[in-house]
Amino acid sequence: MSLNAKTRSKTHHFIQGVAIAAAMGVAQLSFAGAVISNGTVDIGVNDEGNLAVDGVGLRYVPTSGEAITPGCACEGWGAGDAVSGRSGYAGESSGDNNIIVDSFVASADSATSIVRINDGSDLLRVTHDFTPSATPALYQVNVSIENLSGSDVELRYRRAMDWDVPPTEFSELVTLITGGATSVIFSSDDGFATPDPFAGPSSILFTGEATDSGPADHGALLDFDFGTLAAGETFTFTMFYGAADNQDAALAALGSVGAEVYSLGKPDPADPAVGADGSPNTFIFGFSGVGGTPIGEIAPSAIPTLSSWTLVALTALLGALAMVSLRKRRNQA
């Protein structure tokens, strides 16, 4: 969509939105996006559900560090049906494709975007609900995708974002951990990738997982396969965006919300103002409800167990050793 066409579309929906707001009595309903804050993290949410508004994508209030918008507003999402190949996506740098905004409601600390993916007929309704999480270090994004097509779809979702972590924007260390999550079908550090879920794989330094990759100008790219979604059904999962003083605090925040997949963006420790622990700010991107094990939990299959026969044998051996010890003590007496 061209910039002028996108502007006309937003203006049309804004007029509709004002009428709806008046009828419903909601606090603020607009189609121009909003910058929201929980006092620790600021997020710029566009009406289509992607980030970057007025120079704010993801900002850590204690350091005033902004980690997404320097250089380019490279953050976006896309969803589609793998059977038909139909899709839609939204991003400030990529532009939007097959996206119709139904509503955007925002308050000081929350925002909800509801859009339809429509390429001539409705395919999916996608809701991104941004709200403060249980920890001030993270915003929680409740994502729901409803099948409007009238037939089964093989649901795909992509999220791409480029880390630009201060004070060393364009030179950061990137960690990306998927932890065996069953819904993740591809991951890499190409935060510049188009958010179209069928654009295909791409990378900068790595694919799969990595810890402290870089320093380089890169980010995170994740493709999800959420399986068959029947007509009229809705699939939900949760996403997280945030920041903390350092890596340990970031991981603690992710653990507190049960995140299963995550990326961390840290500044280059070669800079004298940067600590080896990711201070003064480590930025966070995560997911839950995607078929993985929450951080800090041990998968049951990883816990060693003993069979009943092994237990019997071990008990007998310990009993025999006890008898030998007892006999030795008697002989010494």
C-alpha atoms as a PDB file:
ATOM      1  CA  MET A   1       0.000   0.000   0.000  1.00  0.00           C
ATOM      2  CA  SER A   2       1.359   3.435  -0.852  1.00  0.00           C
ATOM      3  CA  LEU A   3       1.854   6.024   1.872  1.00  0.00           C
ATOM      4  CA  ASN A   4      -0.996   8.180   0.534  1.00  0.00           C
ATOM      5  CA  ALA A   5      -3.327   5.197   0.287  1.00  0.00           C
ATOM      6  CA  LYS A   6      -2.405   4.138   3.796  1.00  0.00           C
ATOM      7  CA  THR A   7      -3.048   7.668   5.073  1.00  0.00           C
ATOM      8  CA  ARG A   8      -6.462   7.805   3.348  1.00  0.00           C
ATOM      9  CA  SER A   9      -7.365   4.421   4.842  1.00  0.00           C
ATOM     10  CA  LYS A  10      -6.354   5.545   8.334  1.00  0.00           C
ATOM     11  CA  THR A  11      -8.340   8.777   7.955  1.00  0.00           C
ATOM     12  CA  HIS A  12     -11.442   6.851   6.867  1.00  0.00           C
ATOM     13  CA  HIS A  13     -11.153   4.470   9.798  1.00  0.00           C
ATOM     14  CA  PHE A  14     -10.448   7.351  12.180  1.00  0.00           C
ATOM     15  CA  ILE A  15     -13.805   8.957  11.286  1.00  0.00           C
ATOM     16  CA  GLN A  16     -15.516   5.621  11.875  1.00  0.00           C
ATOM     17  CA  GLY A  17     -13.594   5.225  15.116  1.00  0.00           C
ATOM     18  CA  VAL A  18     -14.700   8.607  16.505  1.00  0.00           C
ATOM     19  CA  ALA A  19     -18.330   7.615  15.933  1.00  0.00           C
ATOM     20  CA  ILE A  20     -17.801   4.261  17.621  1.00  0.00           C
ATOM     21  CA  ALA A  21     -15.989   5.907  20.549  1.00  0.00           C
ATOM     22  CA  ALA A  22     -18.869   8.350  21.052  1.00  0.00           C
ATOM     23  CA  ALA A  23     -21.366   5.495  21.002  1.00  0.00           C
ATOM     24  CA  MET A  24     -19.364   3.252  23.340  1.00  0.00           C
ATOM     25  CA  GLY A  25     -17.996   5.935  25.651  1.00  0.00           C
ATOM     26  CA  VAL A  26     -14.435   4.548  25.548  1.00  0.00           C
ATOM     27  CA  ALA A  27     -11.517   6.654  26.788  1.00  0.00           C
ATOM     28  CA  GLN A  28      -9.635   7.050  23.514  1.00  0.00           C
ATOM     29  CA  LEU A  29     -10.282   5.370  20.204  1.00  0.00           C
ATOM     30  CA  SER A  30      -8.117   6.447  17.295  1.00  0.00           C
ATOM     31  CA  PHE A  31      -6.267   5.101  14.321  1.00  0.00           C
ATOM     32  CA  ALA A  32      -2.957   6.896  14.675  1.00  0.00           C
ATOM     33  CA  GLY A  33      -1.221   4.575  17.121  1.00  0.00           C
ATOM     34  CA  ALA A  34      -0.152   5.460  20.644  1.00  0.00           C
ATOM     35  CA  VAL A  35       2.845   5.485  22.969  1.00  0.00           C
ATOM     36  CA  ILE A  36       1.925   3.644  26.166  1.00  0.00           C
ATOM     37  CA  SER A  37       3.943   3.216  29.383  1.00  0.00           C
ATOM     38  CA  ASN A  38       3.931   1.264  32.630  1.00  0.00           C
ATOM     39  CA  GLY A  39       6.512   3.646  34.119  1.00  0.00           C
ATOM     40  CA  THR A  40       9.453   1.342  33.381  1.00  0.00           C
ATOM     41  CA  VAL A  41       8.902   0.452  29.728  1.00  0.00           C
ATOM     42  CA  ASP A  42       7.445   2.628  26.958  1.00  0.00           C
ATOM     43  CA  ILE A  43       6.041   1.012  23.801  1.00  0.00           C
ATOM     44  CA  GLY A  44       4.895   2.698  20.603  1.00  0.00           C
ATOM     45  CA  VAL A  45       1.971   0.674  19.220  1.00  0.00           C
ATOM     46  CA  ASN A  46       0.618   1.267  15.739  1.00  0.00           C
ATOM     47  CA  ASP A  47      -3.026   0.735  14.907  1.00  0.00           C
ATOM     48  CA  GLU A  48      -2.064  -2.402  12.959  1.00  0.00           C
ATOM     49  CA  GLY A  49      -0.380  -3.960  16.022  1.00  0.00           C
ATOM     50  CA  ASN A  50       3.272  -3.460  15.024  1.00  0.00           C
ATOM     51  CA  LEU A  51       5.670  -1.172  16.903  1.00  0.00           C
ATOM     52  CA  ALA A  52       7.250   2.264  16.290  1.00  0.00           C
ATOM     53  CA  VAL A  53       5.240   5.446  16.840  1.00  0.00           C
ATOM     54  CA  ASP A  54       6.734   8.946  17.007  1.00  0.00           C
ATOM     55  CA  GLY A  55      10.249   7.590  17.430  1.00  0.00           C
ATOM     56  CA  VAL A  56       9.284   5.134  20.161  1.00  0.00           C
ATOM     57  CA  GLY A  57       9.342   1.401  19.580  1.00  0.00           C
ATOM     58  CA  LEU A  58      10.667  -0.052  22.846  1.00  0.00           C
ATOM     59  CA  ARG A  59      12.168   2.337  25.382  1.00  0.00           C
ATOM     60  CA  TYR A  60      13.619   1.626  28.837  1.00  0.00           C
ATOM     61  CA  VAL A  61      12.608   4.556  31.031  1.00  0.00           C
ATOM     62  CA  PRO A  62      15.478   4.400  33.599  1.00  0.00           C
ATOM     63  CA  THR A  63      18.109   4.919  30.866  1.00  0.00           C
ATOM     64  CA  SER A  64      15.862   6.576  28.221  1.00  0.00           C
ATOM     65  CA  GLY A  65      17.303   3.932  25.881  1.00  0.00           C
ATOM     66  CA  GLU A  66      15.338   3.201  22.693  1.00  0.00           C
ATOM     67  CA  ALA A  67      16.075  -0.188  21.107  1.00  0.00           C
ATOM     68  CA  ILE A  68      13.956  -0.457  17.936  1.00  0.00           C
ATOM     69  CA  THR A  69      13.588   2.826  16.053  1.00  0.00           C
ATOM     70  CA  PRO A  70      17.232   3.977  15.571  1.00  0.00           C
ATOM     71  CA  GLY A  71      18.157   3.541  11.926  1.00  0.00           C
ATOM     72  CA  CYS A  72      14.824   2.107  10.814  1.00  0.00           C
ATOM     73  CA  ALA A  73      11.475   1.217  12.336  1.00  0.00           C
ATOM     74  CA  CYS A  74      12.128  -2.456  11.620  1.00  0.00           C
ATOM     75  CA  GLU A  75       9.488  -4.358  13.585  1.00  0.00           C
ATOM     76  CA  GLY A  76       6.458  -6.142  12.235  1.00  0.00           C
ATOM     77  CA  TRP A  77       4.212  -9.170  12.114  1.00  0.00           C
ATOM     78  CA  GLY A  78       2.371 -11.265   9.565  1.00  0.00           C
ATOM     79  CA  ALA A  79      -0.091 -14.156   9.518  1.00  0.00           C
ATOM     80  CA  GLY A  80      -1.554 -16.428   6.877  1.00  0.00           C
ATOM     81  CA  ASP A  81      -2.772 -19.795   5.635  1.00  0.00           C
ATOM     82  CA  ALA A  82      -0.055 -22.192   4.432  1.00  0.00           C
ATOM     83  CA  VAL A  83      -2.521 -24.150   2.257  1.00  0.00           C
ATOM     84  CA  SER A  84      -3.804 -21.270   0.129  1.00  0.00           C
ATOM     85  CA  GLY A  85      -0.743 -19.042   0.538  1.00  0.00           C
ATOM     86  CA  ARG A  86      -2.974 -16.124   1.515  1.00  0.00           C
ATOM     87  CA  SER A  87      -1.459 -13.736   4.035  1.00  0.00           C
ATOM     88  CA  GLY A  88      -1.217 -10.224   5.366  1.00  0.00           C
ATOM     89  CA  TYR A  89       1.404  -8.292   7.291  1.00  0.00           C
ATOM     90  CA  ALA A  90       2.138  -4.963   8.958  1.00  0.00           C
ATOM     91  CA  GLY A  91       5.350  -3.004   9.554  1.00  0.00           C
ATOM     92  CA  GLU A  92       6.471   0.610   9.391  1.00  0.00           C
ATOM     93  CA  SER A  93       9.570  -0.153   7.307  1.00  0.00           C
ATOM     94  CA  SER A  94       8.003  -2.941   5.236  1.00  0.00           C
ATOM     95  CA  GLY A  95       4.617  -1.309   4.749  1.00  0.00           C
ATOM     96  CA  ASP A  96       1.294  -3.101   5.158  1.00  0.00           C
ATOM     97  CA  ASN A  97      -0.304  -5.689   2.904  1.00  0.00           C
ATOM     98  CA  ASN A  98      -3.894  -6.991   2.992  1.00  0.00           C
ATOM     99  CA  ILE A  99      -4.543  -5.330   6.378  1.00  0.00           C
ATOM    100  CA  ILE A 100      -7.837  -3.640   7.309  1.00  0.00           C
ATOM    101  CA  VAL A 101      -7.923  -1.938  10.709  1.00  0.00           C
ATOM    102  CA  ASP A 102     -11.213  -2.563  12.498  1.00  0.00           C
ATOM    103  CA  SER A 103     -10.377  -0.755  15.718  1.00  0.00           C
ATOM    104  CA  PHE A 104      -7.589   0.665  17.836  1.00  0.00           C
ATOM    105  CA  VAL A 105      -8.211   1.625  21.465  1.00  0.00           C
ATOM    106  CA  ALA A 106      -5.549   3.045  23.780  1.00  0.00           C
ATOM    107  CA  SER A 107      -5.175   4.373  27.308  1.00  0.00           C
ATOM    108  CA  ALA A 108      -2.087   5.618  29.149  1.00  0.00           C
ATOM    109  CA  ASP A 109      -0.751   2.103  29.783  1.00  0.00           C
ATOM    110  CA  SER A 110      -2.523  -0.239  27.340  1.00  0.00           C
ATOM    111  CA  ALA A 111      -3.578  -0.539  23.716  1.00  0.00           C
ATOM    112  CA  THR A 112      -5.608  -2.988  21.622  1.00  0.00           C
ATOM    113  CA  SER A 113      -5.344  -3.372  17.849  1.00  0.00           C
ATOM    114  CA  ILE A 114      -7.923  -5.411  15.937  1.00  0.00           C
ATOM    115  CA  VAL A 115      -7.390  -5.944  12.215  1.00  0.00           C
ATOM    116  CA  ARG A 116      -8.585  -8.238   9.454  1.00  0.00           C
ATOM    117  CA  ILE A 117      -6.388  -9.897   6.871  1.00  0.00           C
ATOM    118  CA  ASN A 118      -8.364  -9.430   3.682  1.00  0.00           C
ATOM    119  CA  ASP A 119      -7.128  -9.923   0.109  1.00  0.00           C
ATOM    120  CA  GLY A 120     -10.574  -9.480  -1.403  1.00  0.00           C
ATOM    121  CA  SER A 121     -12.282 -11.615   1.197  1.00  0.00           C
ATOM    122  CA  ASP A 122     -11.714 -12.068   4.901  1.00  0.00           C
ATOM    123  CA  LEU A 123      -9.108 -14.607   5.983  1.00  0.00           C
ATOM    124  CA  LEU A 124      -8.210 -13.884   9.632  1.00  0.00           C
ATOM    125  CA  ARG A 125      -9.056 -11.454  12.409  1.00  0.00           C
ATOM    126  CA  VAL A 126      -5.924 -10.645  14.436  1.00  0.00           C
ATOM    127  CA  THR A 127      -5.978  -8.946  17.832  1.00  0.00           C
ATOM    128  CA  HIS A 128      -2.877  -7.627  19.618  1.00  0.00           C
ATOM    129  CA  ASP A 129      -3.750  -6.558  23.172  1.00  0.00           C
ATOM    130  CA  PHE A 130      -0.863  -4.714  24.887  1.00  0.00           C
ATOM    131  CA  THR A 131      -1.123  -4.579  28.676  1.00  0.00           C
ATOM    132  CA  PRO A 132       1.242  -4.346  31.667  1.00  0.00           C
ATOM    133  CA  SER A 133       2.421  -7.788  32.823  1.00  0.00           C
ATOM    134  CA  ALA A 134       3.060  -9.153  36.314  1.00  0.00           C
ATOM    135  CA  THR A 135       6.547  -7.563  36.211  1.00  0.00           C
ATOM    136  CA  PRO A 136       7.292  -3.909  35.381  1.00  0.00           C
ATOM    137  CA  ALA A 137      10.158  -5.058  33.155  1.00  0.00           C
ATOM    138  CA  LEU A 138       7.751  -6.504  30.575  1.00  0.00           C
ATOM    139  CA  TYR A 139       4.723  -5.582  28.541  1.00  0.00           C
ATOM    140  CA  GLN A 140       2.430  -8.514  27.786  1.00  0.00           C
ATOM    141  CA  VAL A 141       0.810  -8.798  24.357  1.00  0.00           C
ATOM    142  CA  ASN A 142      -2.172 -11.140  24.228  1.00  0.00           C
ATOM    143  CA  VAL A 143      -2.501 -12.262  20.616  1.00  0.00           C
ATOM    144  CA  SER A 144      -5.619 -13.932  19.252  1.00  0.00           C
ATOM    145  CA  ILE A 145      -6.177 -15.058  15.665  1.00  0.00           C
ATOM    146  CA  GLU A 146      -9.682 -15.966  14.469  1.00  0.00           C
ATOM    147  CA  ASN A 147     -10.362 -17.879  11.262  1.00  0.00           C
ATOM    148  CA  LEU A 148     -12.871 -15.882   9.174  1.00  0.00           C
ATOM    149  CA  SER A 149     -12.339 -17.763   5.910  1.00  0.00           C
ATOM    150  CA  GLY A 150     -15.161 -20.286   6.182  1.00  0.00           C
ATOM    151  CA  SER A 151     -12.795 -23.276   5.869  1.00  0.00           C
ATOM    152  CA  ASP A 152      -9.824 -24.767   7.714  1.00  0.00           C
ATOM    153  CA  VAL A 153      -6.521 -22.898   7.552  1.00  0.00           C
ATOM    154  CA  GLU A 154      -2.985 -23.971   8.380  1.00  0.00           C
ATOM    155  CA  LEU A 155      -2.092 -21.036  10.576  1.00  0.00           C
ATOM    156  CA  ARG A 156       1.292 -19.348  10.313  1.00  0.00           C
ATOM    157  CA  TYR A 157       2.545 -16.301  12.232  1.00  0.00           C
ATOM    158  CA  ARG A 158       5.793 -14.341  11.860  1.00  0.00           C
ATOM    159  CA  ARG A 159       7.354 -11.648  14.030  1.00  0.00           C
ATOM    160  CA  ALA A 160      10.530  -9.795  13.047  1.00  0.00           C
ATOM    161  CA  MET A 161      12.413  -7.072  14.876  1.00  0.00           C
ATOM    162  CA  ASP A 162      15.830  -5.422  14.614  1.00  0.00           C
ATOM    163  CA  TRP A 163      17.666  -4.698  17.850  1.00  0.00           C
ATOM    164  CA  ASP A 164      19.389  -1.293  18.048  1.00  0.00           C
ATOM    165  CA  VAL A 165      20.479  -1.349  21.664  1.00  0.00           C
ATOM    166  CA  PRO A 166      21.911   1.802  23.270  1.00  0.00           C
ATOM    167  CA  PRO A 167      24.492   3.034  23.937  1.00  0.00           C
ATOM    168  CA  THR A 168      25.965   1.016  21.022  1.00  0.00           C
ATOM    169  CA  GLU A 169      23.138   1.184  18.490  1.00  0.00           C
ATOM    170  CA  PHE A 170      23.857  -0.967  15.383  1.00  0.00           C
ATOM    171  CA  SER A 171      26.405  -3.043  17.344  1.00  0.00           C
ATOM    172  CA  GLU A 172      24.725  -5.407  19.774  1.00  0.00           C
ATOM    173  CA  LEU A 173      24.954  -8.934  21.145  1.00  0.00           C
ATOM    174  CA  VAL A 174      21.894 -11.030  20.343  1.00  0.00           C
ATOM    175  CA  THR A 175      20.687 -14.106  22.184  1.00  0.00           C
ATOM    176  CA  LEU A 176      17.855 -16.170  20.692  1.00  0.00           C
ATOM    177  CA  ILE A 177      16.560 -19.256  22.510  1.00  0.00           C
ATOM    178  CA  THR A 178      13.660 -21.359  21.211  1.00  0.00           C
ATOM    179  CA  GLY A 179      14.124 -24.208  23.701  1.00  0.00           C
ATOM    180  CA  GLY A 180      12.524 -26.878  21.556  1.00  0.00           C
ATOM    181  CA  ALA A 181       9.164 -25.067  21.310  1.00  0.00           C
ATOM    182  CA  THR A 182       7.082 -27.194  18.945  1.00  0.00           C
ATOM    183  CA  SER A 183       5.437 -24.265  17.143  1.00  0.00           C
ATOM    184  CA  VAL A 184       8.721 -22.634  16.081  1.00  0.00           C
ATOM    185  CA  ILE A 185       9.583 -23.722  12.534  1.00  0.00           C
ATOM    186  CA  PHE A 186      12.328 -21.187  11.818  1.00  0.00           C
ATOM    187  CA  SER A 187      14.395 -18.677  13.766  1.00  0.00           C
ATOM    188  CA  SER A 188      17.301 -16.400  12.935  1.00  0.00           C
ATOM    189  CA  ASP A 189      18.779 -12.976  13.648  1.00  0.00           C
ATOM    190  CA  ASP A 190      17.393 -11.241  10.516  1.00  0.00           C
ATOM    191  CA  GLY A 191      15.360  -8.481  12.116  1.00  0.00           C
ATOM    192  CA  PHE A 192      15.225  -6.684   8.750  1.00  0.00           C
ATOM    193  CA  ALA A 193      13.187  -9.489   7.120  1.00  0.00           C
ATOM    194  CA  THR A 194       9.782  -8.732   5.657  1.00  0.00           C
ATOM    195  CA  PRO A 195       7.037  -9.774   8.095  1.00  0.00           C
ATOM    196  CA  ASP A 196       5.252 -11.774   5.381  1.00  0.00           C
ATOM    197  CA  PRO A 197       4.990 -15.288   6.907  1.00  0.00           C
ATOM    198  CA  PHE A 198       5.685 -16.853   3.502  1.00  0.00           C
ATOM    199  CA  ALA A 199       8.700 -14.732   2.566  1.00  0.00           C
ATOM    200  CA  GLY A 200      11.031 -17.627   3.322  1.00  0.00           C
ATOM    201  CA  PRO A 201      14.055 -18.007   5.588  1.00  0.00           C
ATOM    202  CA  SER A 202      16.841 -15.437   5.862  1.00  0.00           C
ATOM    203  CA  SER A 203      19.594 -14.654   8.335  1.00  0.00           C
ATOM    204  CA  ILE A 204      22.527 -12.348   9.076  1.00  0.00           C
ATOM    205  CA  LEU A 205      24.906 -14.247  11.373  1.00  0.00           C
ATOM    206  CA  PHE A 206      22.944 -17.321  12.469  1.00  0.00           C
ATOM    207  CA  THR A 207      19.859 -19.493  12.163  1.00  0.00           C
ATOM    208  CA  GLY A 208      18.314 -21.455  15.009  1.00  0.00           C
ATOM    209  CA  GLU A 209      19.623 -20.501  18.433  1.00  0.00           C
ATOM    210  CA  ALA A 210      22.551 -18.374  19.571  1.00  0.00           C
ATOM    211  CA  THR A 211      23.951 -16.819  22.725  1.00  0.00           C
ATOM    212  CA  ASP A 212      25.632 -13.403  22.589  1.00  0.00           C
ATOM    213  CA  SER A 213      26.000 -13.469  18.794  1.00  0.00           C
ATOM    214  CA  GLY A 214      27.830 -10.425  17.477  1.00  0.00           C
ATOM    215  CA  PRO A 215      28.464  -7.632  17.969  1.00  0.00           C
ATOM    216  CA  ALA A 216      26.565  -6.742  14.795  1.00  0.00           C
ATOM    217  CA  ASP A 217      23.475  -4.919  13.584  1.00  0.00           C
ATOM    218  CA  HIS A 218      20.909  -7.700  13.845  1.00  0.00           C
ATOM    219  CA  GLY A 219      17.794  -8.819  15.720  1.00  0.00           C
ATOM    220  CA  ALA A 220      15.305 -11.678  15.816  1.00  0.00           C
ATOM    221  CA  LEU A 221      13.074 -13.419  13.269  1.00  0.00           C
ATOM    222  CA  LEU A 222      10.608 -16.114  14.339  1.00  0.00           C
ATOM    223  CA  ASP A 223       8.201 -18.200  12.235  1.00  0.00           C
ATOM    224  CA  PHE A 224       5.451 -20.178  13.983  1.00  0.00           C
ATOM    225  CA  ASP A 225       3.289 -23.045  12.731  1.00  0.00           C
ATOM    226  CA  PHE A 226       0.153 -23.150  14.874  1.00  0.00           C
ATOM    227  CA  GLY A 227      -1.426 -26.033  12.994  1.00  0.00           C
ATOM    228  CA  THR A 228      -4.973 -26.394  11.700  1.00  0.00           C
ATOM    229  CA  LEU A 229      -7.448 -23.726  12.731  1.00  0.00           C
ATOM    230  CA  ALA A 230     -11.040 -24.624  11.883  1.00  0.00           C
ATOM    231  CA  ALA A 231     -13.471 -22.070  10.490  1.00  0.00           C
ATOM    232  CA  GLY A 232     -14.712 -19.788  13.243  1.00  0.00           C
ATOM    233  CA  GLU A 233     -12.118 -20.963  15.766  1.00  0.00           C
ATOM    234  CA  THR A 234      -9.558 -18.745  17.526  1.00  0.00           C
ATOM    235  CA  PHE A 235      -5.943 -19.462  18.481  1.00  0.00           C
ATOM    236  CA  THR A 236      -4.259 -17.497  21.274  1.00  0.00           C
ATOM    237  CA  PHE A 237      -0.697 -17.033  22.518  1.00  0.00           C
ATOM    238  CA  THR A 238       1.262 -14.404  24.413  1.00  0.00           C
ATOM    239  CA  MET A 239       4.169 -12.184  23.467  1.00  0.00           C
ATOM    240  CA  PHE A 240       6.400 -10.012  25.671  1.00  0.00           C
ATOM    241  CA  TYR A 241       8.425  -6.859  25.069  1.00  0.00           C
ATOM    242  CA  GLY A 242      10.506  -5.125  27.718  1.00  0.00           C
ATOM    243  CA  ALA A 243      13.868  -4.244  29.261  1.00  0.00           C
ATOM    244  CA  ALA A 244      15.840  -4.559  32.481  1.00  0.00           C
ATOM    245  CA  ASP A 245      19.078  -3.310  34.048  1.00  0.00           C
ATOM    246  CA  ASN A 246      21.078  -6.372  32.949  1.00  0.00           C
ATOM    247  CA  GLN A 247      20.830  -9.909  31.585  1.00  0.00           C
ATOM    248  CA  ASP A 248      20.129 -11.623  34.906  1.00  0.00           C
ATOM    249  CA  ALA A 249      17.259  -9.243  35.626  1.00  0.00           C
ATOM    250  CA  ALA A 250      15.923  -9.787  32.093  1.00  0.00           C
ATOM    251  CA  LEU A 251      15.968 -13.578  32.488  1.00  0.00           C
ATOM    252  CA  ALA A 252      14.303 -13.286  35.890  1.00  0.00           C
ATOM    253  CA  ALA A 253      11.531 -11.202  34.329  1.00  0.00           C
ATOM    254  CA  LEU A 254      11.008 -13.767  31.563  1.00  0.00           C
ATOM    255  CA  GLY A 255      10.916 -16.555  34.135  1.00  0.00           C
ATOM    256  CA  SER A 256       8.306 -14.740  36.208  1.00  0.00           C
ATOM    257  CA  VAL A 257       5.837 -14.716  33.297  1.00  0.00           C
ATOM    258  CA  GLY A 258       6.526 -18.235  32.054  1.00  0.00           C
ATOM    259  CA  ALA A 259       8.138 -17.270  28.742  1.00  0.00           C
ATOM    260  CA  GLU A 260       9.157 -20.236  26.546  1.00  0.00           C
ATOM    261  CA  VAL A 261      10.973 -18.539  23.646  1.00  0.00           C
ATOM    262  CA  TYR A 262      12.984 -15.342  23.888  1.00  0.00           C
ATOM    263  CA  SER A 263      15.558 -12.991  22.437  1.00  0.00           C
ATOM    264  CA  LEU A 264      17.802 -10.610  24.357  1.00  0.00           C
ATOM    265  CA  GLY A 265      19.508  -7.569  22.895  1.00  0.00           C
ATOM    266  CA  LYS A 266      22.561  -6.281  24.797  1.00  0.00           C
ATOM    267  CA  PRO A 267      24.943  -3.413  24.017  1.00  0.00           C
ATOM    268  CA  ASP A 268      28.503  -4.104  22.866  1.00  0.00           C
ATOM    269  CA  PRO A 269      30.686  -4.691  25.969  1.00  0.00           C
ATOM    270  CA  ALA A 270      33.674  -3.215  24.115  1.00  0.00           C
ATOM    271  CA  ASP A 271      32.187   0.182  24.952  1.00  0.00           C
ATOM    272  CA  PRO A 272      33.548   1.372  28.343  1.00  0.00           C
ATOM    273  CA  ALA A 273      30.038   2.452  29.363  1.00  0.00           C
ATOM    274  CA  VAL A 274      28.738  -1.124  28.974  1.00  0.00           C
ATOM    275  CA  GLY A 275      29.042  -3.920  31.506  1.00  0.00           C
ATOM    276  CA  ALA A 276      29.717  -7.561  30.710  1.00  0.00           C
ATOM    277  CA  ASP A 277      26.368  -8.341  32.380  1.00  0.00           C
ATOM    278  CA  GLY A 278      24.389  -6.368  29.788  1.00  0.00           C
ATOM    279  CA  SER A 279      24.145  -3.187  31.825  1.00  0.00           C
ATOM    280  CA  PRO A 280      23.029  -0.448  31.599  1.00  0.00           C
ATOM    281  CA  ASN A 281      20.105  -2.035  29.716  1.00  0.00           C
ATOM    282  CA  THR A 282      19.219  -5.431  28.298  1.00  0.00           C
ATOM    283  CA  PHE A 283      16.171  -5.539  26.028  1.00  0.00           C
ATOM    284  CA  ILE A 284      13.688  -8.405  25.905  1.00  0.00           C
ATOM    285  CA  PHE A 285      11.421 -10.102  23.343  1.00  0.00           C
ATOM    286  CA  GLY A 286       9.569 -13.296  24.278  1.00  0.00           C
ATOM    287  CA  PHE A 287       6.684 -15.710  23.749  1.00  0.00           C
ATOM    288  CA  SER A 288       4.601 -18.173  25.747  1.00  0.00           C
ATOM    289  CA  GLY A 289       1.862 -20.574  24.709  1.00  0.00           C
ATOM    290  CA  VAL A 290       3.936 -21.741  21.727  1.00  0.00           C
ATOM    291  CA  GLY A 291       4.627 -25.336  22.707  1.00  0.00           C
ATOM    292  CA  GLY A 292       7.750 -24.818  24.783  1.00  0.00           C
ATOM    293  CA  THR A 293       8.895 -25.248  28.378  1.00  0.00           C
ATOM    294  CA  PRO A 294       8.798 -22.120  30.555  1.00  0.00           C
ATOM    295  CA  ILE A 295      12.193 -20.714  31.518  1.00  0.00           C
ATOM    296  CA  GLY A 296      13.426 -22.179  34.762  1.00  0.00           C
ATOM    297  CA  GLU A 297      11.413 -25.381  34.522  1.00  0.00           C
ATOM    298  CA  ILE A 298      12.997 -28.767  33.798  1.00  0.00           C
ATOM    299  CA  ALA A 299      11.162 -30.852  31.258  1.00  0.00           C
ATOM    300  CA  PRO A 300       9.998 -34.138  32.852  1.00  0.00           C
ATOM    301  CA  SER A 301      11.847 -36.138  30.197  1.00  0.00           C
ATOM    302  CA  ALA A 302      15.113 -34.541  31.319  1.00  0.00           C
ATOM    303  CA  ILE A 303      14.764 -35.735  34.915  1.00  0.00           C
ATOM    304  CA  PRO A 304      16.530 -39.104  35.375  1.00  0.00           C
ATOM    305  CA  THR A 305      14.358 -41.908  36.763  1.00  0.00           C
ATOM    306  CA  LEU A 306      15.089 -45.406  38.006  1.00  0.00           C
ATOM    307  CA  SER A 307      13.125 -48.455  36.911  1.00  0.00           C
ATOM    308  CA  SER A 308      11.506 -50.682  39.552  1.00  0.00           C
ATOM    309  CA  TRP A 309      14.071 -53.455  38.882  1.00  0.00           C
ATOM    310  CA  THR A 310      16.917 -50.990  39.357  1.00  0.00           C
ATOM    311  CA  LEU A 311      15.429 -49.875  42.656  1.00  0.00           C
ATOM    312  CA  VAL A 312      15.136 -53.506  43.847  1.00  0.00           C
ATOM    313  CA  ALA A 313      18.753 -54.217  42.901  1.00  0.00           C
ATOM    314  CA  LEU A 314      19.962 -51.014  44.543  1.00  0.00           C
ATOM    315  CA  THR A 315      18.060 -51.847  47.746  1.00  0.00           C
ATOM    316  CA  ALA A 316      19.547 -55.350  47.842  1.00  0.00           C
ATOM    317  CA  LEU A 317      23.057 -53.985  47.313  1.00  0.00           C
ATOM    318  CA  LEU A 318      22.691 -51.452  50.097  1.00  0.00           C
ATOM    319  CA  GLY A 319      21.357 -54.206  52.390  1.00  0.00           C
ATOM    320  CA  ALA A 320      24.339 -56.457  51.617  1.00  0.00           C
ATOM    321  CA  LEU A 321      26.780 -53.624  52.300  1.00  0.00           C
ATOM    322  CA  ALA A 322      25.100 -52.956  55.616  1.00  0.00           C
ATOM    323  CA  MET A 323      25.422 -56.635  56.620  1.00  0.00           C
ATOM    324  CA  VAL A 324      29.138 -56.657  55.726  1.00  0.00           C
ATOM    325  CA  SER A 325      29.700 -53.544  57.785  1.00  0.00           C
ATOM    326  CA  LEU A 326      27.841 -55.039  60.729  1.00  0.00           C
ATOM    327  CA  ARG A 327      29.929 -58.254  60.615  1.00  0.00           C
ATOM    328  CA  LYS A 328      33.170 -56.255  60.531  1.00  0.00           C
ATOM    329  CA  ARG A 329      32.139 -54.332  63.636  1.00  0.00           C
ATOM    330  CA  ARG A 330      31.279 -57.591  65.458  1.00  0.00           C
ATOM    331  CA  ASN A 331      34.617 -59.188  64.537  1.00  0.00           C
ATOM    332  CA  GLN A 332      36.485 -56.110  65.754  1.00  0.00           C
ATOM    333  CA  ALA A 333      34.608 -56.290  69.028  1.00  0.00           C
END
